[in-house]
């Protein structure tokens, strides 16, 4: 099982649009690494139910998504659970503000 503990925004094709582009993870055995957006998508898509985000007592699974009319557009996101502190966007907003994510 891998927990994503930090994320970073990146610009999309030089536009004003930003999306999540880099993710830091830690495995249950303590090993750590980073993923690009596509690497994260591929891992989550190949290993459903194995990646999560956790903040305090809030934990949510990460899922892989793509546009059905354009399957080249791929991303990951957390399941909606009504708790803002446990989602990937919150991690990236903290990263952008220079706040630590663990």
PDB file of N, CA and C in Angstrom:
ATOM      1  N   UNK A   1       0.844  -1.187   0.000  1.00  0.00           N
ATOM      2  CA  UNK A   1       0.000   0.000   0.000  1.00  0.00           C
ATOM      3  C   UNK A   1       0.888   1.248   0.000  1.00  0.00           C
ATOM      4  N   UNK A   2       0.477   2.217  -0.783  1.00  0.00           N
ATOM      5  CA  UNK A   2       1.219   3.473  -0.859  1.00  0.00           C
ATOM      6  C   UNK A   2       0.323   4.617  -0.403  1.00  0.00           C
ATOM      7  N   UNK A   3       0.917   5.522   0.369  1.00  0.00           N
ATOM      8  CA  UNK A   3       0.210   6.728   0.807  1.00  0.00           C
ATOM      9  C   UNK A   3       0.846   7.923   0.119  1.00  0.00           C
ATOM     10  N   UNK A   4       0.047   8.698  -0.597  1.00  0.00           N
ATOM     11  CA  UNK A   4       0.525   9.956  -1.165  1.00  0.00           C
ATOM     12  C   UNK A   4       0.483  10.989  -0.054  1.00  0.00           C
ATOM     13  N   UNK A   5       1.640  11.591   0.223  1.00  0.00           N
ATOM     14  CA  UNK A   5       1.721  12.545   1.326  1.00  0.00           C
ATOM     15  C   UNK A   5       2.031  13.971   0.869  1.00  0.00           C
ATOM     16  N   UNK A   6       2.308  14.174  -0.402  1.00  0.00           N
ATOM     17  CA  UNK A   6       2.551  15.517  -0.907  1.00  0.00           C
ATOM     18  C   UNK A   6       2.247  15.524  -2.400  1.00  0.00           C
ATOM     19  N   UNK A   7       1.886  16.704  -2.905  1.00  0.00           N
ATOM     20  CA  UNK A   7       1.570  16.867  -4.323  1.00  0.00           C
ATOM     21  C   UNK A   7       1.968  18.274  -4.742  1.00  0.00           C
ATOM     22  N   UNK A   8       2.127  18.448  -6.052  1.00  0.00           N
ATOM     23  CA  UNK A   8       2.558  19.742  -6.574  1.00  0.00           C
ATOM     24  C   UNK A   8       1.783  20.060  -7.844  1.00  0.00           C
ATOM     25  N   UNK A   9       1.383  21.325  -7.972  1.00  0.00           N
ATOM     26  CA  UNK A   9       0.732  21.785  -9.196  1.00  0.00           C
ATOM     27  C   UNK A   9       1.776  21.997 -10.277  1.00  0.00           C
ATOM     28  N   UNK A  10       1.356  21.884 -11.528  1.00  0.00           N
ATOM     29  CA  UNK A  10       2.180  22.285 -12.664  1.00  0.00           C
ATOM     30  C   UNK A  10       1.274  22.952 -13.683  1.00  0.00           C
ATOM     31  N   UNK A  11       1.858  23.811 -14.503  1.00  0.00           N
ATOM     32  CA  UNK A  11       1.060  24.462 -15.538  1.00  0.00           C
ATOM     33  C   UNK A  11       0.803  23.468 -16.658  1.00  0.00           C
ATOM     34  N   UNK A  12      -0.251  23.689 -17.360  1.00  0.00           N
ATOM     35  CA  UNK A  12      -0.666  22.789 -18.435  1.00  0.00           C
ATOM     36  C   UNK A  12      -0.437  23.469 -19.775  1.00  0.00           C
ATOM     37  N   UNK A  13       0.495  22.952 -20.554  1.00  0.00           N
ATOM     38  CA  UNK A  13       0.805  23.465 -21.890  1.00  0.00           C
ATOM     39  C   UNK A  13       1.077  24.966 -21.908  1.00  0.00           C
ATOM     40  N   UNK A  14       1.735  25.485 -20.854  1.00  0.00           N
ATOM     41  CA  UNK A  14       2.092  26.891 -20.813  1.00  0.00           C
ATOM     42  C   UNK A  14       0.935  27.846 -20.585  1.00  0.00           C
ATOM     43  N   UNK A  15      -0.232  27.313 -20.279  1.00  0.00           N
ATOM     44  CA  UNK A  15      -1.411  28.164 -20.071  1.00  0.00           C
ATOM     45  C   UNK A  15      -1.539  28.545 -18.602  1.00  0.00           C
ATOM     46  N   UNK A  16      -2.603  29.240 -18.291  1.00  0.00           N
ATOM     47  CA  UNK A  16      -2.897  29.599 -16.903  1.00  0.00           C
ATOM     48  C   UNK A  16      -3.484  28.417 -16.136  1.00  0.00           C
ATOM     49  N   UNK A  17      -3.875  27.384 -16.852  1.00  0.00           N
ATOM     50  CA  UNK A  17      -4.479  26.214 -16.216  1.00  0.00           C
ATOM     51  C   UNK A  17      -3.414  25.424 -15.454  1.00  0.00           C
ATOM     52  N   UNK A  18      -3.748  25.021 -14.249  1.00  0.00           N
ATOM     53  CA  UNK A  18      -2.855  24.192 -13.436  1.00  0.00           C
ATOM     54  C   UNK A  18      -3.529  22.861 -13.150  1.00  0.00           C
ATOM     55  N   UNK A  19      -2.723  21.836 -13.073  1.00  0.00           N
ATOM     56  CA  UNK A  19      -3.227  20.548 -12.611  1.00  0.00           C
ATOM     57  C   UNK A  19      -2.176  19.905 -11.717  1.00  0.00           C
ATOM     58  N   UNK A  20      -2.568  18.857 -11.042  1.00  0.00           N
ATOM     59  CA  UNK A  20      -1.631  18.130 -10.197  1.00  0.00           C
ATOM     60  C   UNK A  20      -0.651  17.394 -11.098  1.00  0.00           C
ATOM     61  N   UNK A  21       0.645  17.620 -10.877  1.00  0.00           N
ATOM     62  CA  UNK A  21       1.625  17.064 -11.787  1.00  0.00           C
ATOM     63  C   UNK A  21       2.698  16.213 -11.152  1.00  0.00           C
ATOM     64  N   UNK A  22       2.873  16.306  -9.827  1.00  0.00           N
ATOM     65  CA  UNK A  22       3.912  15.521  -9.160  1.00  0.00           C
ATOM     66  C   UNK A  22       3.375  15.078  -7.802  1.00  0.00           C
ATOM     67  N   UNK A  23       3.716  13.846  -7.440  1.00  0.00           N
ATOM     68  CA  UNK A  23       3.216  13.260  -6.202  1.00  0.00           C
ATOM     69  C   UNK A  23       4.352  12.574  -5.464  1.00  0.00           C
ATOM     70  N   UNK A  24       4.401  12.760  -4.148  1.00  0.00           N
ATOM     71  CA  UNK A  24       5.368  12.079  -3.286  1.00  0.00           C
ATOM     72  C   UNK A  24       4.609  10.996  -2.536  1.00  0.00           C
ATOM     73  N   UNK A  25       5.184   9.806  -2.469  1.00  0.00           N
ATOM     74  CA  UNK A  25       4.513   8.698  -1.801  1.00  0.00           C
ATOM     75  C   UNK A  25       5.468   7.958  -0.874  1.00  0.00           C
ATOM     76  N   UNK A  26       4.880   7.253   0.074  1.00  0.00           N
ATOM     77  CA  UNK A  26       5.626   6.373   0.960  1.00  0.00           C
ATOM     78  C   UNK A  26       4.898   5.036   0.964  1.00  0.00           C
ATOM     79  N   UNK A  27       5.664   3.963   0.881  1.00  0.00           N
ATOM     80  CA  UNK A  27       5.110   2.611   0.875  1.00  0.00           C
ATOM     81  C   UNK A  27       4.989   2.106   2.304  1.00  0.00           C
ATOM     82  N   UNK A  28       4.206   1.084   2.500  1.00  0.00           N
ATOM     83  CA  UNK A  28       4.030   0.522   3.839  1.00  0.00           C
ATOM     84  C   UNK A  28       5.332  -0.024   4.417  1.00  0.00           C
ATOM     85  N   UNK A  29       6.315  -0.317   3.564  1.00  0.00           N
ATOM     86  CA  UNK A  29       7.617  -0.788   4.060  1.00  0.00           C
ATOM     87  C   UNK A  29       8.584   0.368   4.356  1.00  0.00           C
ATOM     88  N   UNK A  30       8.117   1.614   4.167  1.00  0.00           N
ATOM     89  CA  UNK A  30       8.937   2.789   4.455  1.00  0.00           C
ATOM     90  C   UNK A  30       9.664   3.367   3.259  1.00  0.00           C
ATOM     91  N   UNK A  31       9.676   2.665   2.130  1.00  0.00           N
ATOM     92  CA  UNK A  31      10.344   3.213   0.953  1.00  0.00           C
ATOM     93  C   UNK A  31       9.535   4.401   0.426  1.00  0.00           C
ATOM     94  N   UNK A  32      10.255   5.347  -0.207  1.00  0.00           N
ATOM     95  CA  UNK A  32       9.631   6.572  -0.694  1.00  0.00           C
ATOM     96  C   UNK A  32       9.980   6.803  -2.151  1.00  0.00           C
ATOM     97  N   UNK A  33       9.174   7.612  -2.813  1.00  0.00           N
ATOM     98  CA  UNK A  33       9.444   7.944  -4.195  1.00  0.00           C
ATOM     99  C   UNK A  33       8.545   9.062  -4.666  1.00  0.00           C
ATOM    100  N   UNK A  34       8.686   9.404  -5.941  1.00  0.00           N
ATOM    101  CA  UNK A  34       7.829  10.412  -6.568  1.00  0.00           C
ATOM    102  C   UNK A  34       7.264   9.839  -7.860  1.00  0.00           C
ATOM    103  N   UNK A  35       6.148  10.397  -8.251  1.00  0.00           N
ATOM    104  CA  UNK A  35       5.509  10.049  -9.520  1.00  0.00           C
ATOM    105  C   UNK A  35       5.185  11.319 -10.283  1.00  0.00           C
ATOM    106  N   UNK A  36       5.257  11.235 -11.597  1.00  0.00           N
ATOM    107  CA  UNK A  36       4.662  12.248 -12.454  1.00  0.00           C
ATOM    108  C   UNK A  36       3.162  11.955 -12.510  1.00  0.00           C
ATOM    109  N   UNK A  37       2.431  12.831 -13.125  1.00  0.00           N
ATOM    110  CA  UNK A  37       0.988  12.623 -13.281  1.00  0.00           C
ATOM    111  C   UNK A  37       0.698  11.290 -13.974  1.00  0.00           C
ATOM    112  N   UNK A  38       1.387  11.003 -15.081  1.00  0.00           N
ATOM    113  CA  UNK A  38       1.142   9.771 -15.824  1.00  0.00           C
ATOM    114  C   UNK A  38       1.593   8.538 -15.042  1.00  0.00           C
ATOM    115  N   UNK A  39       2.734   8.622 -14.368  1.00  0.00           N
ATOM    116  CA  UNK A  39       3.182   7.488 -13.553  1.00  0.00           C
ATOM    117  C   UNK A  39       2.175   7.184 -12.447  1.00  0.00           C
ATOM    118  N   UNK A  40       1.644   8.231 -11.816  1.00  0.00           N
ATOM    119  CA  UNK A  40       0.640   8.042 -10.761  1.00  0.00           C
ATOM    120  C   UNK A  40      -0.611   7.388 -11.338  1.00  0.00           C
ATOM    121  N   UNK A  41      -1.071   7.892 -12.482  1.00  0.00           N
ATOM    122  CA  UNK A  41      -2.250   7.305 -13.118  1.00  0.00           C
ATOM    123  C   UNK A  41      -2.014   5.830 -13.398  1.00  0.00           C
ATOM    124  N   UNK A  42      -0.889   5.519 -14.025  1.00  0.00           N
ATOM    125  CA  UNK A  42      -0.615   4.127 -14.399  1.00  0.00           C
ATOM    126  C   UNK A  42      -0.558   3.216 -13.176  1.00  0.00           C
ATOM    127  N   UNK A  43       0.091   3.659 -12.105  1.00  0.00           N
ATOM    128  CA  UNK A  43       0.189   2.832 -10.902  1.00  0.00           C
ATOM    129  C   UNK A  43      -1.193   2.604 -10.282  1.00  0.00           C
ATOM    130  N   UNK A  44      -1.948   3.681 -10.120  1.00  0.00           N
ATOM    131  CA  UNK A  44      -3.273   3.561  -9.498  1.00  0.00           C
ATOM    132  C   UNK A  44      -4.209   2.732 -10.379  1.00  0.00           C
ATOM    133  N   UNK A  45      -4.129   2.932 -11.684  1.00  0.00           N
ATOM    134  CA  UNK A  45      -4.974   2.171 -12.607  1.00  0.00           C
ATOM    135  C   UNK A  45      -4.630   0.685 -12.568  1.00  0.00           C
ATOM    136  N   UNK A  46      -3.341   0.360 -12.472  1.00  0.00           N
ATOM    137  CA  UNK A  46      -2.896  -1.035 -12.428  1.00  0.00           C
ATOM    138  C   UNK A  46      -3.066  -1.690 -11.057  1.00  0.00           C
ATOM    139  N   UNK A  47      -3.197  -0.868 -10.001  1.00  0.00           N
ATOM    140  CA  UNK A  47      -3.267  -1.372  -8.624  1.00  0.00           C
ATOM    141  C   UNK A  47      -4.430  -0.722  -7.866  1.00  0.00           C
ATOM    142  N   UNK A  48      -5.675  -0.946  -8.300  1.00  0.00           N
ATOM    143  CA  UNK A  48      -6.805  -0.281  -7.631  1.00  0.00           C
ATOM    144  C   UNK A  48      -6.874  -0.659  -6.151  1.00  0.00           C
ATOM    145  N   UNK A  49      -7.232   0.316  -5.337  1.00  0.00           N
ATOM    146  CA  UNK A  49      -7.371   0.068  -3.905  1.00  0.00           C
ATOM    147  C   UNK A  49      -6.060  -0.049  -3.163  1.00  0.00           C
ATOM    148  N   UNK A  50      -4.967   0.458  -3.758  1.00  0.00           N
ATOM    149  CA  UNK A  50      -3.663   0.324  -3.109  1.00  0.00           C
ATOM    150  C   UNK A  50      -3.000   1.666  -2.788  1.00  0.00           C
ATOM    151  N   UNK A  51      -3.632   2.782  -3.149  1.00  0.00           N
ATOM    152  CA  UNK A  51      -3.056   4.104  -2.922  1.00  0.00           C
ATOM    153  C   UNK A  51      -4.098   4.952  -2.184  1.00  0.00           C
ATOM    154  N   UNK A  52      -3.642   5.660  -1.166  1.00  0.00           N
ATOM    155  CA  UNK A  52      -4.549   6.467  -0.369  1.00  0.00           C
ATOM    156  C   UNK A  52      -3.877   7.743   0.101  1.00  0.00           C
ATOM    157  N   UNK A  53      -4.697   8.663   0.604  1.00  0.00           N
ATOM    158  CA  UNK A  53      -4.249   9.886   1.251  1.00  0.00           C
ATOM    159  C   UNK A  53      -4.816   9.833   2.664  1.00  0.00           C
ATOM    160  N   UNK A  54      -3.998  10.208   3.643  1.00  0.00           N
ATOM    161  CA  UNK A  54      -4.446  10.174   5.030  1.00  0.00           C
ATOM    162  C   UNK A  54      -4.007  11.444   5.739  1.00  0.00           C
ATOM    163  N   UNK A  55      -4.929  12.014   6.496  1.00  0.00           N
ATOM    164  CA  UNK A  55      -4.648  13.194   7.301  1.00  0.00           C
ATOM    165  C   UNK A  55      -5.335  12.974   8.637  1.00  0.00           C
ATOM    166  N   UNK A  56      -4.566  12.771   9.681  1.00  0.00           N
ATOM    167  CA  UNK A  56      -5.151  12.479  10.986  1.00  0.00           C
ATOM    168  C   UNK A  56      -5.945  11.190  10.917  1.00  0.00           C
ATOM    169  N   UNK A  57      -7.201  11.252  11.288  1.00  0.00           N
ATOM    170  CA  UNK A  57      -8.039  10.062  11.240  1.00  0.00           C
ATOM    171  C   UNK A  57      -8.816   9.938   9.932  1.00  0.00           C
ATOM    172  N   UNK A  58      -8.647  10.883   9.011  1.00  0.00           N
ATOM    173  CA  UNK A  58      -9.330  10.853   7.717  1.00  0.00           C
ATOM    174  C   UNK A  58      -8.450  10.148   6.691  1.00  0.00           C
ATOM    175  N   UNK A  59      -9.017   9.151   6.031  1.00  0.00           N
ATOM    176  CA  UNK A  59      -8.291   8.419   4.989  1.00  0.00           C
ATOM    177  C   UNK A  59      -9.224   8.206   3.817  1.00  0.00           C
ATOM    178  N   UNK A  60      -8.702   8.386   2.608  1.00  0.00           N
ATOM    179  CA  UNK A  60      -9.518   8.224   1.410  1.00  0.00           C
ATOM    180  C   UNK A  60      -8.676   7.563   0.312  1.00  0.00           C
ATOM    181  N   UNK A  61      -9.311   6.748  -0.501  1.00  0.00           N
ATOM    182  CA  UNK A  61      -8.633   6.045  -1.593  1.00  0.00           C
ATOM    183  C   UNK A  61      -8.447   6.965  -2.784  1.00  0.00           C
ATOM    184  N   UNK A  62      -7.393   6.713  -3.537  1.00  0.00           N
ATOM    185  CA  UNK A  62      -7.096   7.445  -4.764  1.00  0.00           C
ATOM    186  C   UNK A  62      -7.529   6.572  -5.936  1.00  0.00           C
ATOM    187  N   UNK A  63      -8.170   7.192  -6.915  1.00  0.00           N
ATOM    188  CA  UNK A  63      -8.651   6.456  -8.093  1.00  0.00           C
ATOM    189  C   UNK A  63      -8.108   7.086  -9.367  1.00  0.00           C
ATOM    190  N   UNK A  64      -8.033   6.297 -10.412  1.00  0.00           N
ATOM    191  CA  UNK A  64      -7.571   6.740 -11.723  1.00  0.00           C
ATOM    192  C   UNK A  64      -8.772   7.101 -12.592  1.00  0.00           C
ATOM    193  N   UNK A  65      -8.651   8.221 -13.330  1.00  0.00           N
ATOM    194  CA  UNK A  65      -9.725   8.696 -14.198  1.00  0.00           C
ATOM    195  C   UNK A  65      -9.164   9.099 -15.552  1.00  0.00           C
ATOM    196  N   UNK A  66     -10.027   9.062 -16.565  1.00  0.00           N
ATOM    197  CA  UNK A  66      -9.690   9.588 -17.882  1.00  0.00           C
ATOM    198  C   UNK A  66     -10.981  10.014 -18.561  1.00  0.00           C
ATOM    199  N   UNK A  67     -10.857  10.941 -19.509  1.00  0.00           N
ATOM    200  CA  UNK A  67     -12.022  11.386 -20.265  1.00  0.00           C
ATOM    201  C   UNK A  67     -12.405  10.305 -21.262  1.00  0.00           C
ATOM    202  N   UNK A  68     -13.670   9.918 -21.284  1.00  0.00           N
ATOM    203  CA  UNK A  68     -14.091   8.876 -22.222  1.00  0.00           C
ATOM    204  C   UNK A  68     -14.004   9.348 -23.665  1.00  0.00           C
ATOM    205  N   UNK A  69     -14.181  10.654 -23.901  1.00  0.00           N
ATOM    206  CA  UNK A  69     -14.086  11.161 -25.274  1.00  0.00           C
ATOM    207  C   UNK A  69     -12.650  11.514 -25.667  1.00  0.00           C
ATOM    208  N   UNK A  70     -11.712  11.482 -24.712  1.00  0.00           N
ATOM    209  CA  UNK A  70     -10.301  11.703 -24.998  1.00  0.00           C
ATOM    210  C   UNK A  70      -9.478  10.933 -23.965  1.00  0.00           C
ATOM    211  N   UNK A  71      -9.289   9.628 -24.179  1.00  0.00           N
ATOM    212  CA  UNK A  71      -8.606   8.805 -23.184  1.00  0.00           C
ATOM    213  C   UNK A  71      -7.140   9.149 -22.963  1.00  0.00           C
ATOM    214  N   UNK A  72      -6.584  10.091 -23.738  1.00  0.00           N
ATOM    215  CA  UNK A  72      -5.212  10.535 -23.496  1.00  0.00           C
ATOM    216  C   UNK A  72      -5.126  11.475 -22.292  1.00  0.00           C
ATOM    217  N   UNK A  73      -6.250  12.048 -21.868  1.00  0.00           N
ATOM    218  CA  UNK A  73      -6.284  12.932 -20.706  1.00  0.00           C
ATOM    219  C   UNK A  73      -6.549  12.068 -19.476  1.00  0.00           C
ATOM    220  N   UNK A  74      -5.499  11.876 -18.660  1.00  0.00           N
ATOM    221  CA  UNK A  74      -5.559  10.966 -17.515  1.00  0.00           C
ATOM    222  C   UNK A  74      -5.143  11.696 -16.251  1.00  0.00           C
ATOM    223  N   UNK A  75      -5.750  11.324 -15.118  1.00  0.00           N
ATOM    224  CA  UNK A  75      -5.405  11.936 -13.840  1.00  0.00           C
ATOM    225  C   UNK A  75      -5.812  11.024 -12.705  1.00  0.00           C
ATOM    226  N   UNK A  76      -5.366  11.366 -11.505  1.00  0.00           N
ATOM    227  CA  UNK A  76      -5.820  10.675 -10.314  1.00  0.00           C
ATOM    228  C   UNK A  76      -6.516  11.680  -9.411  1.00  0.00           C
ATOM    229  N   UNK A  77      -7.420  11.191  -8.593  1.00  0.00           N
ATOM    230  CA  UNK A  77      -8.048  12.037  -7.589  1.00  0.00           C
ATOM    231  C   UNK A  77      -8.577  11.146  -6.471  1.00  0.00           C
ATOM    232  N   UNK A  78      -8.820  11.780  -5.341  1.00  0.00           N
ATOM    233  CA  UNK A  78      -9.362  11.058  -4.204  1.00  0.00           C
ATOM    234  C   UNK A  78     -10.874  10.929  -4.363  1.00  0.00           C
ATOM    235  N   UNK A  79     -11.420   9.878  -3.741  1.00  0.00           N
ATOM    236  CA  UNK A  79     -12.867   9.731  -3.707  1.00  0.00           C
ATOM    237  C   UNK A  79     -13.456  10.875  -2.888  1.00  0.00           C
ATOM    238  N   UNK A  80     -14.572  11.390  -3.325  1.00  0.00           N
ATOM    239  CA  UNK A  80     -15.245  12.450  -2.569  1.00  0.00           C
ATOM    240  C   UNK A  80     -15.773  11.871  -1.260  1.00  0.00           C
ATOM    241  N   UNK A  81     -15.375  12.493  -0.157  1.00  0.00           N
ATOM    242  CA  UNK A  81     -15.855  12.025   1.148  1.00  0.00           C
ATOM    243  C   UNK A  81     -16.295  13.187   2.037  1.00  0.00           C
ATOM    244  N   UNK A  82     -16.287  14.402   1.484  1.00  0.00           N
ATOM    245  CA  UNK A  82     -16.737  15.565   2.242  1.00  0.00           C
ATOM    246  C   UNK A  82     -15.722  16.117   3.223  1.00  0.00           C
ATOM    247  N   UNK A  83     -14.505  15.564   3.234  1.00  0.00           N
ATOM    248  CA  UNK A  83     -13.453  16.029   4.136  1.00  0.00           C
ATOM    249  C   UNK A  83     -12.346  16.640   3.286  1.00  0.00           C
ATOM    250  N   UNK A  84     -12.184  17.934   3.359  1.00  0.00           N
ATOM    251  CA  UNK A  84     -11.224  18.634   2.494  1.00  0.00           C
ATOM    252  C   UNK A  84      -9.773  18.307   2.821  1.00  0.00           C
ATOM    253  N   UNK A  85      -9.469  18.057   4.090  1.00  0.00           N
ATOM    254  CA  UNK A  85      -8.062  17.921   4.471  1.00  0.00           C
ATOM    255  C   UNK A  85      -7.402  16.653   3.935  1.00  0.00           C
ATOM    256  N   UNK A  86      -8.176  15.713   3.414  1.00  0.00           N
ATOM    257  CA  UNK A  86      -7.568  14.462   2.969  1.00  0.00           C
ATOM    258  C   UNK A  86      -7.537  14.318   1.449  1.00  0.00           C
ATOM    259  N   UNK A  87      -7.544  15.434   0.716  1.00  0.00           N
ATOM    260  CA  UNK A  87      -7.516  15.259  -0.735  1.00  0.00           C
ATOM    261  C   UNK A  87      -6.230  15.799  -1.364  1.00  0.00           C
ATOM    262  N   UNK A  88      -5.975  15.395  -2.588  1.00  0.00           N
ATOM    263  CA  UNK A  88      -4.725  15.724  -3.271  1.00  0.00           C
ATOM    264  C   UNK A  88      -4.569  17.220  -3.527  1.00  0.00           C
ATOM    265  N   UNK A  89      -5.654  17.916  -3.817  1.00  0.00           N
ATOM    266  CA  UNK A  89      -5.566  19.353  -4.055  1.00  0.00           C
ATOM    267  C   UNK A  89      -5.106  20.084  -2.804  1.00  0.00           C
ATOM    268  N   UNK A  90      -5.591  19.670  -1.649  1.00  0.00           N
ATOM    269  CA  UNK A  90      -5.162  20.289  -0.398  1.00  0.00           C
ATOM    270  C   UNK A  90      -3.657  20.100  -0.198  1.00  0.00           C
ATOM    271  N   UNK A  91      -3.150  18.917  -0.504  1.00  0.00           N
ATOM    272  CA  UNK A  91      -1.703  18.688  -0.396  1.00  0.00           C
ATOM    273  C   UNK A  91      -0.938  19.650  -1.303  1.00  0.00           C
ATOM    274  N   UNK A  92      -1.396  19.825  -2.536  1.00  0.00           N
ATOM    275  CA  UNK A  92      -0.712  20.712  -3.481  1.00  0.00           C
ATOM    276  C   UNK A  92      -0.821  22.179  -3.061  1.00  0.00           C
ATOM    277  N   UNK A  93      -1.958  22.560  -2.500  1.00  0.00           N
ATOM    278  CA  UNK A  93      -2.096  23.944  -2.023  1.00  0.00           C
ATOM    279  C   UNK A  93      -1.133  24.212  -0.868  1.00  0.00           C
ATOM    280  N   UNK A  94      -0.970  23.254   0.028  1.00  0.00           N
ATOM    281  CA  UNK A  94       0.001  23.403   1.118  1.00  0.00           C
ATOM    282  C   UNK A  94       1.419  23.496   0.557  1.00  0.00           C
ATOM    283  N   UNK A  95       1.733  22.645  -0.406  1.00  0.00           N
ATOM    284  CA  UNK A  95       3.059  22.645  -1.031  1.00  0.00           C
ATOM    285  C   UNK A  95       3.345  24.012  -1.637  1.00  0.00           C
ATOM    286  N   UNK A  96       2.381  24.565  -2.369  1.00  0.00           N
ATOM    287  CA  UNK A  96       2.550  25.869  -3.022  1.00  0.00           C
ATOM    288  C   UNK A  96       2.768  26.974  -1.980  1.00  0.00           C
ATOM    289  N   UNK A  97       2.138  26.837  -0.821  1.00  0.00           N
ATOM    290  CA  UNK A  97       2.278  27.832   0.244  1.00  0.00           C
ATOM    291  C   UNK A  97       3.534  27.619   1.073  1.00  0.00           C
ATOM    292  N   UNK A  98       4.311  26.570   0.771  1.00  0.00           N
ATOM    293  CA  UNK A  98       5.534  26.302   1.515  1.00  0.00           C
ATOM    294  C   UNK A  98       5.300  25.611   2.847  1.00  0.00           C
ATOM    295  N   UNK A  99       4.113  25.057   3.035  1.00  0.00           N
ATOM    296  CA  UNK A  99       3.809  24.351   4.281  1.00  0.00           C
ATOM    297  C   UNK A  99       4.206  22.883   4.160  1.00  0.00           C
ATOM    298  N   UNK A 100       4.633  22.285   5.247  1.00  0.00           N
ATOM    299  CA  UNK A 100       5.077  20.886   5.178  1.00  0.00           C
ATOM    300  C   UNK A 100       3.918  19.908   5.055  1.00  0.00           C
ATOM    301  N   UNK A 101       4.140  18.886   4.287  1.00  0.00           N
ATOM    302  CA  UNK A 101       3.237  17.738   4.193  1.00  0.00           C
ATOM    303  C   UNK A 101       4.038  16.522   4.634  1.00  0.00           C
ATOM    304  N   UNK A 102       3.448  15.715   5.466  1.00  0.00           N
ATOM    305  CA  UNK A 102       4.124  14.509   5.950  1.00  0.00           C
ATOM    306  C   UNK A 102       3.329  13.300   5.554  1.00  0.00           C
TER     307      UNK A 102
END
